[in-house]
Amino acid sequence: MIPLQGTHIRLRAPEPEDLQWLYLWENQPDVWMASDTLVPFSRYHLRKYLEEMEMDPFKTRQIRFMIDLCKDPGTPVGTIDLFDFDPHHMRAGIGILVASTTQRRRGYASDALNTLLSYCRDVLMLHQVYCHIQASNQASRRLFGGCGFVQSGTLQQWVRTPQGWEDQHIMQLILRP
């Protein structure tokens, strides 16, 4: 098996050619709620990010992977990130985006998440991973729950939305007891 390849997807490092995708995805206001973003990203800043990005999680405390379909390499359908990487406690947060609604509900996110979990367990040798999910985001709760994550807490009225305050669930997965 090729490392970082699942059944239908392949995870890879971002390339300069991905600027168009990142610019489109990072500037979707409906994605901002999950990523705690309030303002659009410029092409300049995203280009600079791609040029200066280092893939050493021990240095940067994060890793971003592009999610490509095996049948269509080089054309990503989304991203999956490790963030808040803590080498002392051997844990990291995970965030995932399958950008196009037409590409969702096809198993790509679970394939990408399971591939990343194998990488976290077998390569980074992390003890645990976690995510924060808004209570109303049933699809993400099902995705992470289906990959073995359990809800370990709830942050009450944690996220302000146009409809009012919303709880955020903390889900985690112990990779190495």
Protein backbone atom coordinates (compact mmCIF):
# COMPACT_ATOMS: atom_id res chain seq x y z
CA MET A 1 0.00 0.00 0.00
CA ILE A 2 1.21 3.50 -0.84
CA PRO A 3 1.60 5.63 2.30
CA LEU A 4 -1.14 8.22 2.74
CA GLN A 5 -3.43 6.48 0.29
CA GLY A 6 -6.84 5.15 1.17
CA THR A 7 -9.33 3.25 -0.91
CA HIS A 8 -10.51 6.24 -2.94
CA ILE A 9 -8.26 9.12 -1.90
CA ARG A 10 -4.63 10.07 -1.60
CA LEU A 11 -3.28 12.65 0.83
CA ARG A 12 -0.46 14.84 -0.42
CA ALA A 13 1.40 18.02 0.48
CA PRO A 14 0.01 21.26 -0.95
CA GLU A 15 1.69 22.52 -4.12
CA PRO A 16 1.85 26.05 -5.57
CA GLU A 17 -0.71 24.92 -8.16
CA ASP A 18 -3.22 24.45 -5.33
CA LEU A 19 -3.46 28.21 -4.80
CA GLN A 20 -6.64 28.40 -6.92
CA TRP A 21 -8.36 25.75 -4.77
CA LEU A 22 -7.26 27.18 -1.43
CA TYR A 23 -8.31 30.67 -2.49
CA LEU A 24 -11.77 29.39 -3.44
CA TRP A 25 -12.25 27.21 -0.37
CA GLU A 26 -10.80 29.51 2.29
CA ASN A 27 -13.02 32.34 1.08
CA GLN A 28 -16.34 30.51 1.41
CA PRO A 29 -18.19 32.21 4.29
CA ASP A 30 -20.02 28.97 5.13
CA VAL A 31 -16.61 27.40 5.92
CA TRP A 32 -15.53 30.28 8.14
CA MET A 33 -17.67 29.17 11.09
CA ALA A 34 -15.77 25.89 11.39
CA SER A 35 -12.36 27.50 10.94
CA ASP A 36 -12.95 30.55 13.18
CA THR A 37 -12.27 32.87 10.25
CA LEU A 38 -13.90 36.28 9.95
CA VAL A 39 -12.19 37.82 6.91
CA PRO A 40 -11.28 36.63 3.41
CA PHE A 41 -7.79 35.47 2.51
CA SER A 42 -5.88 37.23 -0.25
CA ARG A 43 -4.11 35.36 -3.02
CA TYR A 44 -0.93 37.05 -1.84
CA HIS A 45 -1.18 35.61 1.68
CA LEU A 46 -2.14 32.16 0.46
CA ARG A 47 0.71 32.16 -2.07
CA LYS A 48 3.11 33.19 0.67
CA TYR A 49 1.73 30.42 2.90
CA LEU A 50 2.34 27.84 0.16
CA GLU A 51 5.86 29.14 -0.50
CA GLU A 52 6.92 29.21 3.13
CA MET A 53 5.02 26.21 4.47
CA GLU A 54 7.12 23.60 6.17
CA MET A 55 5.94 20.02 6.52
CA ASP A 56 7.66 19.42 9.86
CA PRO A 57 4.96 19.17 12.53
CA PHE A 58 7.57 19.24 15.30
CA LYS A 59 8.53 22.73 14.14
CA THR A 60 5.28 24.24 12.87
CA ARG A 61 2.84 22.34 15.11
CA GLN A 62 0.61 21.69 12.11
CA ILE A 63 0.34 19.81 8.82
CA ARG A 64 -2.04 20.38 5.93
CA PHE A 65 -2.76 17.70 3.35
CA MET A 66 -4.66 18.04 0.11
CA ILE A 67 -7.22 15.31 -0.53
CA ASP A 68 -6.98 13.99 -4.09
CA LEU A 69 -9.13 11.29 -5.63
CA CYS A 70 -7.02 8.31 -6.71
CA LYS A 71 -8.82 8.33 -10.05
CA ASP A 72 -8.05 12.04 -10.60
CA PRO A 73 -4.68 12.92 -9.00
CA GLY A 74 -3.75 16.57 -8.87
CA THR A 75 -7.33 17.81 -8.62
CA PRO A 76 -8.10 18.04 -4.91
CA VAL A 77 -11.56 17.70 -3.40
CA GLY A 78 -10.57 19.14 -0.04
CA THR A 79 -8.06 19.39 2.76
CA ILE A 80 -7.38 17.65 6.04
CA ASP A 81 -5.32 19.30 8.74
CA LEU A 82 -3.47 18.39 11.88
CA PHE A 83 -3.20 21.43 14.15
CA ASP A 84 -2.16 22.20 17.73
CA PHE A 85 0.34 19.34 17.42
CA ASP A 86 1.77 18.77 20.89
CA PRO A 87 4.91 16.59 20.74
CA HIS A 88 5.20 16.38 24.52
CA HIS A 89 1.71 14.99 25.07
CA MET A 90 1.64 13.37 21.61
CA ARG A 91 -1.72 14.73 20.50
CA ALA A 92 -3.15 16.90 17.75
CA GLY A 93 -6.42 18.37 16.56
CA ILE A 94 -7.95 17.38 13.23
CA GLY A 95 -10.00 19.44 10.80
CA ILE A 96 -11.36 18.31 7.45
CA LEU A 97 -13.07 19.93 4.49
CA VAL A 98 -14.58 18.28 1.45
CA ALA A 99 -15.24 21.53 -0.37
CA SER A 100 -17.88 20.80 -2.97
CA THR A 101 -21.30 19.68 -1.81
CA THR A 102 -21.41 17.40 -4.88
CA GLN A 103 -18.32 15.54 -3.58
CA ARG A 104 -19.76 15.00 -0.09
CA ARG A 105 -21.47 11.83 1.12
CA ARG A 106 -19.31 9.66 -1.14
CA GLY A 107 -17.01 8.31 1.58
CA TYR A 108 -14.08 10.59 0.71
CA ALA A 109 -14.00 12.27 4.12
CA SER A 110 -14.03 9.00 6.07
CA ASP A 111 -11.39 7.54 3.74
CA ALA A 112 -9.21 10.65 4.25
CA LEU A 113 -9.77 10.63 8.00
CA ASN A 114 -8.93 6.93 8.34
CA THR A 115 -5.81 7.44 6.21
CA LEU A 116 -4.73 10.35 8.39
CA LEU A 117 -5.42 8.33 11.55
CA SER A 118 -3.10 5.58 10.31
CA TYR A 119 -0.43 8.22 9.67
CA CYS A 120 -0.94 9.69 13.14
CA ARG A 121 -0.70 6.28 14.80
CA ASP A 122 2.02 4.61 12.73
CA VAL A 123 4.27 7.50 11.63
CA LEU A 124 3.84 10.31 14.15
CA MET A 125 3.07 7.78 16.91
CA LEU A 126 0.51 10.07 18.48
CA HIS A 127 -1.30 9.00 21.62
CA GLN A 128 -4.54 10.75 20.74
CA VAL A 129 -6.33 13.09 18.34
CA TYR A 130 -9.33 15.33 18.87
CA CYS A 131 -11.74 17.65 17.10
CA HIS A 132 -14.25 20.34 18.01
CA ILE A 133 -17.60 20.11 16.23
CA GLN A 134 -20.60 22.40 16.48
CA ALA A 135 -23.62 20.65 17.94
CA SER A 136 -25.66 21.32 14.78
CA ASN A 137 -23.06 19.71 12.48
CA GLN A 138 -24.57 16.24 12.41
CA ALA A 139 -22.57 15.15 9.34
CA SER A 140 -19.23 15.82 11.04
CA ARG A 141 -20.38 14.18 14.26
CA ARG A 142 -21.33 11.05 12.26
CA LEU A 143 -18.04 11.16 10.32
CA PHE A 144 -15.79 11.32 13.38
CA GLY A 145 -18.00 8.97 15.41
CA GLY A 146 -17.88 6.44 12.57
CA CYS A 147 -14.07 6.55 12.71
CA GLY A 148 -14.02 5.74 16.42
CA PHE A 149 -14.07 9.19 18.03
CA VAL A 150 -16.15 9.58 21.18
CA GLN A 151 -17.64 12.73 22.61
CA SER A 152 -15.65 13.62 25.69
CA GLY A 153 -17.17 16.99 26.52
CA THR A 154 -19.33 19.90 25.51
CA LEU A 155 -18.38 23.55 25.54
CA GLN A 156 -21.62 25.35 26.38
CA GLN A 157 -22.64 28.30 24.19
CA TRP A 158 -19.16 28.27 22.67
CA VAL A 159 -19.82 29.55 19.15
CA ARG A 160 -21.76 32.66 18.25
CA THR A 161 -23.85 32.18 15.11
CA PRO A 162 -26.39 34.42 13.38
CA GLN A 163 -29.07 32.29 15.07
CA GLY A 164 -27.55 32.67 18.55
CA TRP A 165 -25.09 30.77 20.72
CA GLU A 166 -24.32 27.14 19.95
CA ASP A 167 -22.61 24.38 21.89
CA GLN A 168 -19.46 22.78 20.56
CA HIS A 169 -18.64 19.13 21.20
CA ILE A 170 -15.16 17.84 21.87
CA MET A 171 -14.55 14.42 20.36
CA GLN A 172 -11.39 12.42 20.79
CA LEU A 173 -9.82 9.16 19.80
CA ILE A 174 -7.13 7.38 21.80
CA LEU A 175 -4.75 5.88 19.24
CA ARG A 176 -2.23 4.26 21.60
CA PRO A 177 -3.38 3.26 25.10
